[in-house]
Amino acid sequence: MGVPQPVHKSVHLGRPRSDAAVSHAAIMDAVYELLQEMPARDLTMEAVAKRANVGKPTLYKWWPSKAALIMAMFSEKFAGQVETPAAATAEEAIRTKMRRLITGGKGLFGKVMADLIAEGQSDPAILQELYERHIRVRRASTVEDIERGKATGEFSAGTDAELLVDAIFAPVYYRLLLRFAPLTEKYGNDLIDQVLLGVRKKSKLSPRKSYRRLSAPPR
């Protein structure tokens, strides 16, 4: 996954340095609510100001553009602390992360993520912030899972963790953006099954397949 180059224009995403915490919360709530009612392209600063009961100058004082405002809401509502799944194996941790991503992708998270990526085509700062504030830390966490799997013999020693992350998760964003097929938990599991065929140690069996084998009725 390529990382956009930093741009000189900074986008303010944090809580405003003022005593206007109440206004800030109202603005974030307004953006969150309005995006459930309309696509990002139809959202206006006027609508946000009206819903939050603040003036437009207040919005532009803290955020230079609509895209920056949406990114701020996304960071606050969706991109919180990364929770490491409690899992016995690296594969189980990856499956848990996949399940969470697909569940979120079918809701407002997925809608806003797609909108931000679209907005980022004309504003590279948005892509940079999206990567730094949301994707980078989650990617690093999954790379750690894969490295752990290599250390325990779950995955082959020659596995490239960065490429494996791309192979597993990039197709989810492909479907999220193009919407040519639904995002389902089965798709996520099948994707992981297929990708891990190339890196799983021969003696290792997928937890899903192991369960199927143990639970299969006798013939």
C-alpha atoms as a PDB file:
ATOM      1  CA  MET A   1       0.000   0.000   0.000  1.00  0.00           C
ATOM      2  CA  GLY A   2       1.586   3.279  -1.083  1.00  0.00           C
ATOM      3  CA  VAL A   3       1.906   6.129   1.368  1.00  0.00           C
ATOM      4  CA  PRO A   4       1.115   9.612  -0.009  1.00  0.00           C
ATOM      5  CA  GLN A   5       3.979  12.082   0.323  1.00  0.00           C
ATOM      6  CA  PRO A   6       3.520  14.733   3.037  1.00  0.00           C
ATOM      7  CA  VAL A   7       2.257  18.094   1.826  1.00  0.00           C
ATOM      8  CA  HIS A   8       3.194  21.462   3.241  1.00  0.00           C
ATOM      9  CA  LYS A   9      -0.369  22.486   3.989  1.00  0.00           C
ATOM     10  CA  SER A  10      -1.343  21.015   7.345  1.00  0.00           C
ATOM     11  CA  VAL A  11      -4.865  19.887   8.093  1.00  0.00           C
ATOM     12  CA  HIS A  12      -6.038  20.507  11.649  1.00  0.00           C
ATOM     13  CA  LEU A  13      -7.764  17.413  12.971  1.00  0.00           C
ATOM     14  CA  GLY A  14      -7.431  17.674  16.717  1.00  0.00           C
ATOM     15  CA  ARG A  15      -9.639  19.279  19.314  1.00  0.00           C
ATOM     16  CA  PRO A  16      -9.561  23.085  18.906  1.00  0.00           C
ATOM     17  CA  ARG A  17      -7.235  24.851  21.354  1.00  0.00           C
ATOM     18  CA  SER A  18      -9.977  26.920  22.968  1.00  0.00           C
ATOM     19  CA  ASP A  19     -12.654  26.662  25.613  1.00  0.00           C
ATOM     20  CA  ALA A  20     -15.237  25.815  22.953  1.00  0.00           C
ATOM     21  CA  ALA A  21     -15.368  22.095  23.740  1.00  0.00           C
ATOM     22  CA  VAL A  22     -19.157  22.112  23.680  1.00  0.00           C
ATOM     23  CA  SER A  23     -19.237  23.642  20.203  1.00  0.00           C
ATOM     24  CA  HIS A  24     -16.605  21.188  19.034  1.00  0.00           C
ATOM     25  CA  ALA A  25     -18.655  18.210  20.253  1.00  0.00           C
ATOM     26  CA  ALA A  26     -21.798  19.619  18.643  1.00  0.00           C
ATOM     27  CA  ILE A  27     -19.978  20.001  15.315  1.00  0.00           C
ATOM     28  CA  MET A  28     -18.620  16.452  15.409  1.00  0.00           C
ATOM     29  CA  ASP A  29     -22.077  15.112  16.246  1.00  0.00           C
ATOM     30  CA  ALA A  30     -23.605  17.171  13.439  1.00  0.00           C
ATOM     31  CA  VAL A  31     -21.193  15.776  10.841  1.00  0.00           C
ATOM     32  CA  TYR A  32     -21.766  12.244  12.115  1.00  0.00           C
ATOM     33  CA  GLU A  33     -25.554  12.615  11.938  1.00  0.00           C
ATOM     34  CA  LEU A  34     -25.642  14.336   8.560  1.00  0.00           C
ATOM     35  CA  LEU A  35     -23.449  11.697   6.922  1.00  0.00           C
ATOM     36  CA  GLN A  36     -26.035   9.108   7.909  1.00  0.00           C
ATOM     37  CA  GLU A  37     -28.592  11.121   5.954  1.00  0.00           C
ATOM     38  CA  MET A  38     -26.593  12.028   2.839  1.00  0.00           C
ATOM     39  CA  PRO A  39     -23.390  11.245   0.920  1.00  0.00           C
ATOM     40  CA  ALA A  40     -20.299  13.310   1.681  1.00  0.00           C
ATOM     41  CA  ARG A  41     -20.507  15.070  -1.679  1.00  0.00           C
ATOM     42  CA  ASP A  42     -23.869  16.580  -0.634  1.00  0.00           C
ATOM     43  CA  LEU A  43     -22.707  17.641   2.809  1.00  0.00           C
ATOM     44  CA  THR A  44     -22.158  21.397   3.120  1.00  0.00           C
ATOM     45  CA  MET A  45     -20.493  23.563   5.714  1.00  0.00           C
ATOM     46  CA  GLU A  46     -23.777  25.490   5.917  1.00  0.00           C
ATOM     47  CA  ALA A  47     -25.674  22.329   6.868  1.00  0.00           C
ATOM     48  CA  VAL A  48     -23.132  21.416   9.524  1.00  0.00           C
ATOM     49  CA  ALA A  49     -23.164  24.913  10.997  1.00  0.00           C
ATOM     50  CA  LYS A  50     -26.962  24.934  11.113  1.00  0.00           C
ATOM     51  CA  ARG A  51     -27.195  21.463  12.727  1.00  0.00           C
ATOM     52  CA  ALA A  52     -24.496  22.319  15.290  1.00  0.00           C
ATOM     53  CA  ASN A  53     -25.931  25.803  15.914  1.00  0.00           C
ATOM     54  CA  VAL A  54     -22.616  27.538  15.228  1.00  0.00           C
ATOM     55  CA  GLY A  55     -21.480  30.051  12.647  1.00  0.00           C
ATOM     56  CA  LYS A  56     -19.663  29.082   9.461  1.00  0.00           C
ATOM     57  CA  PRO A  57     -16.632  31.175  10.465  1.00  0.00           C
ATOM     58  CA  THR A  58     -16.247  28.860  13.469  1.00  0.00           C
ATOM     59  CA  LEU A  59     -15.969  25.866  11.170  1.00  0.00           C
ATOM     60  CA  TYR A  60     -13.418  27.498   8.902  1.00  0.00           C
ATOM     61  CA  LYS A  61     -11.434  28.692  11.888  1.00  0.00           C
ATOM     62  CA  TRP A  62     -10.788  25.090  12.902  1.00  0.00           C
ATOM     63  CA  TRP A  63     -10.988  23.195   9.594  1.00  0.00           C
ATOM     64  CA  PRO A  64      -9.957  24.614   6.189  1.00  0.00           C
ATOM     65  CA  SER A  65     -12.314  22.458   4.136  1.00  0.00           C
ATOM     66  CA  LYS A  66     -15.258  20.110   4.224  1.00  0.00           C
ATOM     67  CA  ALA A  67     -12.950  17.149   3.671  1.00  0.00           C
ATOM     68  CA  ALA A  68     -10.812  18.176   6.641  1.00  0.00           C
ATOM     69  CA  LEU A  69     -13.932  18.431   8.788  1.00  0.00           C
ATOM     70  CA  ILE A  70     -15.094  14.962   7.756  1.00  0.00           C
ATOM     71  CA  MET A  71     -11.604  13.617   8.465  1.00  0.00           C
ATOM     72  CA  ALA A  72     -11.735  15.151  11.940  1.00  0.00           C
ATOM     73  CA  MET A  73     -15.040  13.431  12.667  1.00  0.00           C
ATOM     74  CA  PHE A  74     -13.719  10.139  11.291  1.00  0.00           C
ATOM     75  CA  SER A  75     -10.632  10.335  13.496  1.00  0.00           C
ATOM     76  CA  GLU A  76     -12.687  11.111  16.580  1.00  0.00           C
ATOM     77  CA  LYS A  77     -15.556   8.671  16.069  1.00  0.00           C
ATOM     78  CA  PHE A  78     -13.883   5.731  14.339  1.00  0.00           C
ATOM     79  CA  ALA A  79     -10.099   5.868  14.558  1.00  0.00           C
ATOM     80  CA  GLY A  80      -9.597   5.464  18.280  1.00  0.00           C
ATOM     81  CA  GLN A  81      -7.161   3.193  20.040  1.00  0.00           C
ATOM     82  CA  VAL A  82      -6.294  -0.040  18.281  1.00  0.00           C
ATOM     83  CA  GLU A  83      -7.449  -3.047  20.262  1.00  0.00           C
ATOM     84  CA  THR A  84      -5.247  -6.106  19.855  1.00  0.00           C
ATOM     85  CA  PRO A  85      -7.478  -9.184  19.652  1.00  0.00           C
ATOM     86  CA  ALA A  86      -6.851 -11.832  22.279  1.00  0.00           C
ATOM     87  CA  ALA A  87      -5.940 -14.735  20.016  1.00  0.00           C
ATOM     88  CA  ALA A  88      -3.935 -17.914  20.414  1.00  0.00           C
ATOM     89  CA  THR A  89      -2.509 -17.720  16.919  1.00  0.00           C
ATOM     90  CA  ALA A  90      -1.574 -15.064  14.397  1.00  0.00           C
ATOM     91  CA  GLU A  91      -4.195 -16.397  11.992  1.00  0.00           C
ATOM     92  CA  GLU A  92      -6.928 -16.041  14.580  1.00  0.00           C
ATOM     93  CA  ALA A  93      -5.873 -12.433  15.219  1.00  0.00           C
ATOM     94  CA  ILE A  94      -5.982 -11.687  11.490  1.00  0.00           C
ATOM     95  CA  ARG A  95      -9.424 -13.246  11.160  1.00  0.00           C
ATOM     96  CA  THR A  96     -10.722 -11.147  14.038  1.00  0.00           C
ATOM     97  CA  LYS A  97      -9.392  -7.971  12.413  1.00  0.00           C
ATOM     98  CA  MET A  98     -10.921  -8.976   9.090  1.00  0.00           C
ATOM     99  CA  ARG A  99     -14.284  -9.565  10.737  1.00  0.00           C
ATOM    100  CA  ARG A 100     -14.187  -6.143  12.384  1.00  0.00           C
ATOM    101  CA  LEU A 101     -13.188  -4.428   9.132  1.00  0.00           C
ATOM    102  CA  ILE A 102     -15.986  -6.055   7.151  1.00  0.00           C
ATOM    103  CA  THR A 103     -18.575  -5.307   9.844  1.00  0.00           C
ATOM    104  CA  GLY A 104     -17.503  -1.665   9.858  1.00  0.00           C
ATOM    105  CA  GLY A 105     -17.285  -1.542   6.073  1.00  0.00           C
ATOM    106  CA  LYS A 106     -20.992  -2.290   5.786  1.00  0.00           C
ATOM    107  CA  GLY A 107     -21.930   0.674   7.981  1.00  0.00           C
ATOM    108  CA  LEU A 108     -21.156   4.378   8.287  1.00  0.00           C
ATOM    109  CA  PHE A 109     -17.450   3.632   8.756  1.00  0.00           C
ATOM    110  CA  GLY A 110     -17.254   2.107   5.278  1.00  0.00           C
ATOM    111  CA  LYS A 111     -19.246   4.942   3.727  1.00  0.00           C
ATOM    112  CA  VAL A 112     -17.037   7.628   5.247  1.00  0.00           C
ATOM    113  CA  MET A 113     -13.850   5.704   4.462  1.00  0.00           C
ATOM    114  CA  ALA A 114     -14.832   5.495   0.786  1.00  0.00           C
ATOM    115  CA  ASP A 115     -15.775   9.186   0.745  1.00  0.00           C
ATOM    116  CA  LEU A 116     -12.444  10.202   2.283  1.00  0.00           C
ATOM    117  CA  ILE A 117     -10.484   8.170  -0.234  1.00  0.00           C
ATOM    118  CA  ALA A 118     -12.476   9.826  -3.012  1.00  0.00           C
ATOM    119  CA  GLU A 119     -11.905  13.304  -1.560  1.00  0.00           C
ATOM    120  CA  GLY A 120      -8.236  12.470  -1.203  1.00  0.00           C
ATOM    121  CA  GLN A 121      -7.780  12.162  -4.948  1.00  0.00           C
ATOM    122  CA  SER A 122      -7.902  15.957  -5.162  1.00  0.00           C
ATOM    123  CA  ASP A 123      -6.504  16.663  -1.693  1.00  0.00           C
ATOM    124  CA  PRO A 124      -3.427  14.517  -0.883  1.00  0.00           C
ATOM    125  CA  ALA A 125      -3.374  15.862   2.673  1.00  0.00           C
ATOM    126  CA  ILE A 126      -6.542  13.883   3.384  1.00  0.00           C
ATOM    127  CA  LEU A 127      -4.938  10.628   2.217  1.00  0.00           C
ATOM    128  CA  GLN A 128      -1.864  11.360   4.300  1.00  0.00           C
ATOM    129  CA  GLU A 129      -3.920  12.004   7.419  1.00  0.00           C
ATOM    130  CA  LEU A 130      -6.094   8.952   6.788  1.00  0.00           C
ATOM    131  CA  TYR A 131      -3.009   6.774   6.517  1.00  0.00           C
ATOM    132  CA  GLU A 132      -1.220   8.262   9.517  1.00  0.00           C
ATOM    133  CA  ARG A 133      -4.203   8.437  11.859  1.00  0.00           C
ATOM    134  CA  HIS A 134      -6.028   5.244  10.969  1.00  0.00           C
ATOM    135  CA  ILE A 135      -4.318   2.814   8.620  1.00  0.00           C
ATOM    136  CA  ARG A 136      -0.654   2.955   9.618  1.00  0.00           C
ATOM    137  CA  VAL A 137      -1.053   1.812  13.209  1.00  0.00           C
ATOM    138  CA  ARG A 138      -3.464  -0.981  12.251  1.00  0.00           C
ATOM    139  CA  ARG A 139      -1.169  -2.140   9.491  1.00  0.00           C
ATOM    140  CA  ALA A 140       1.767  -2.221  11.903  1.00  0.00           C
ATOM    141  CA  SER A 141      -0.278  -4.254  14.365  1.00  0.00           C
ATOM    142  CA  THR A 142      -1.066  -6.858  11.707  1.00  0.00           C
ATOM    143  CA  VAL A 143       2.567  -6.987  10.592  1.00  0.00           C
ATOM    144  CA  GLU A 144       3.419  -7.814  14.219  1.00  0.00           C
ATOM    145  CA  ASP A 145       0.855 -10.641  14.149  1.00  0.00           C
ATOM    146  CA  ILE A 146       2.474 -12.082  11.030  1.00  0.00           C
ATOM    147  CA  GLU A 147       5.985 -11.775  12.441  1.00  0.00           C
ATOM    148  CA  ARG A 148       4.761 -13.617  15.539  1.00  0.00           C
ATOM    149  CA  GLY A 149       3.359 -16.317  13.283  1.00  0.00           C
ATOM    150  CA  LYS A 150       6.725 -16.644  11.564  1.00  0.00           C
ATOM    151  CA  ALA A 151       8.518 -16.888  14.917  1.00  0.00           C
ATOM    152  CA  THR A 152       6.221 -19.660  16.150  1.00  0.00           C
ATOM    153  CA  GLY A 153       6.375 -21.624  12.896  1.00  0.00           C
ATOM    154  CA  GLU A 154       2.783 -20.863  11.970  1.00  0.00           C
ATOM    155  CA  PHE A 155       3.919 -19.140   8.755  1.00  0.00           C
ATOM    156  CA  SER A 156       6.973 -19.892   6.656  1.00  0.00           C
ATOM    157  CA  ALA A 157      10.140 -17.980   7.552  1.00  0.00           C
ATOM    158  CA  GLY A 158      10.368 -16.347   4.121  1.00  0.00           C
ATOM    159  CA  THR A 159       6.945 -14.684   4.404  1.00  0.00           C
ATOM    160  CA  ASP A 160       6.991 -10.963   3.578  1.00  0.00           C
ATOM    161  CA  ALA A 161       4.696  -9.516   6.253  1.00  0.00           C
ATOM    162  CA  GLU A 162       4.043  -6.241   4.423  1.00  0.00           C
ATOM    163  CA  LEU A 163       3.041  -7.987   1.200  1.00  0.00           C
ATOM    164  CA  LEU A 164       0.863 -10.430   3.108  1.00  0.00           C
ATOM    165  CA  VAL A 165      -1.051  -7.570   4.717  1.00  0.00           C
ATOM    166  CA  ASP A 166      -1.664  -6.114   1.254  1.00  0.00           C
ATOM    167  CA  ALA A 167      -2.779  -9.457  -0.159  1.00  0.00           C
ATOM    168  CA  ILE A 168      -5.264 -10.044   2.663  1.00  0.00           C
ATOM    169  CA  PHE A 169      -6.797  -6.621   3.216  1.00  0.00           C
ATOM    170  CA  ALA A 170      -6.467  -4.716  -0.080  1.00  0.00           C
ATOM    171  CA  PRO A 171      -9.277  -6.725  -1.753  1.00  0.00           C
ATOM    172  CA  VAL A 172     -11.663  -5.581   0.984  1.00  0.00           C
ATOM    173  CA  TYR A 173     -11.038  -1.935   0.077  1.00  0.00           C
ATOM    174  CA  TYR A 174     -11.353  -2.908  -3.602  1.00  0.00           C
ATOM    175  CA  ARG A 175     -14.889  -4.142  -2.977  1.00  0.00           C
ATOM    176  CA  LEU A 176     -15.642  -1.244  -0.647  1.00  0.00           C
ATOM    177  CA  LEU A 177     -14.762   1.317  -3.309  1.00  0.00           C
ATOM    178  CA  LEU A 178     -16.114  -0.349  -6.456  1.00  0.00           C
ATOM    179  CA  ARG A 179     -19.140  -2.023  -4.827  1.00  0.00           C
ATOM    180  CA  PHE A 180     -19.251  -4.744  -7.474  1.00  0.00           C
ATOM    181  CA  ALA A 181     -19.905  -7.446  -4.862  1.00  0.00           C
ATOM    182  CA  PRO A 182     -21.023  -7.499  -1.223  1.00  0.00           C
ATOM    183  CA  LEU A 183     -18.686  -7.498   1.748  1.00  0.00           C
ATOM    184  CA  THR A 184     -19.493 -10.555   3.804  1.00  0.00           C
ATOM    185  CA  GLU A 185     -17.818 -12.461   6.613  1.00  0.00           C
ATOM    186  CA  LYS A 186     -17.640 -15.499   4.339  1.00  0.00           C
ATOM    187  CA  TYR A 187     -15.749 -13.476   1.754  1.00  0.00           C
ATOM    188  CA  GLY A 188     -13.265 -12.367   4.396  1.00  0.00           C
ATOM    189  CA  ASN A 189     -12.681 -15.897   5.632  1.00  0.00           C
ATOM    190  CA  ASP A 190     -12.384 -17.316   2.119  1.00  0.00           C
ATOM    191  CA  LEU A 191      -9.909 -14.569   1.238  1.00  0.00           C
ATOM    192  CA  ILE A 192      -7.730 -15.397   4.225  1.00  0.00           C
ATOM    193  CA  ASP A 193      -7.918 -19.128   3.450  1.00  0.00           C
ATOM    194  CA  GLN A 194      -6.736 -18.529  -0.104  1.00  0.00           C
ATOM    195  CA  VAL A 195      -3.948 -16.090   0.732  1.00  0.00           C
ATOM    196  CA  LEU A 196      -2.526 -18.152   3.579  1.00  0.00           C
ATOM    197  CA  LEU A 197      -2.216 -21.224   1.368  1.00  0.00           C
ATOM    198  CA  GLY A 198       1.047 -19.791   0.127  1.00  0.00           C
ATOM    199  CA  VAL A 199       2.613 -19.066   3.513  1.00  0.00           C
ATOM    200  CA  ARG A 200       1.215 -21.601   5.951  1.00  0.00           C
ATOM    201  CA  LYS A 201       3.599 -24.332   7.055  1.00  0.00           C
ATOM    202  CA  LYS A 202       2.628 -27.664   5.489  1.00  0.00           C
ATOM    203  CA  SER A 203       2.101 -29.213   8.898  1.00  0.00           C
ATOM    204  CA  LYS A 204      -0.215 -26.404   9.960  1.00  0.00           C
ATOM    205  CA  LEU A 205      -3.937 -26.567   9.330  1.00  0.00           C
ATOM    206  CA  SER A 206      -6.249 -23.585   9.211  1.00  0.00           C
ATOM    207  CA  PRO A 207      -8.320 -23.314  12.415  1.00  0.00           C
ATOM    208  CA  ARG A 208     -11.492 -23.275  10.294  1.00  0.00           C
ATOM    209  CA  LYS A 209     -10.506 -26.382   8.353  1.00  0.00           C
ATOM    210  CA  SER A 210      -9.314 -28.118  11.500  1.00  0.00           C
ATOM    211  CA  TYR A 211     -12.704 -27.529  13.077  1.00  0.00           C
ATOM    212  CA  ARG A 212     -14.487 -28.850   9.995  1.00  0.00           C
ATOM    213  CA  ARG A 213     -12.362 -31.982  10.008  1.00  0.00           C
ATOM    214  CA  LEU A 214     -12.956 -32.671  13.712  1.00  0.00           C
ATOM    215  CA  SER A 215     -16.673 -32.003  13.455  1.00  0.00           C
ATOM    216  CA  ALA A 216     -17.286 -33.982  10.263  1.00  0.00           C
ATOM    217  CA  PRO A 217     -19.698 -36.918  10.852  1.00  0.00           C
ATOM    218  CA  PRO A 218     -18.259 -40.440  10.512  1.00  0.00           C
ATOM    219  CA  ARG A 219     -18.979 -42.267   7.281  1.00  0.00           C
END
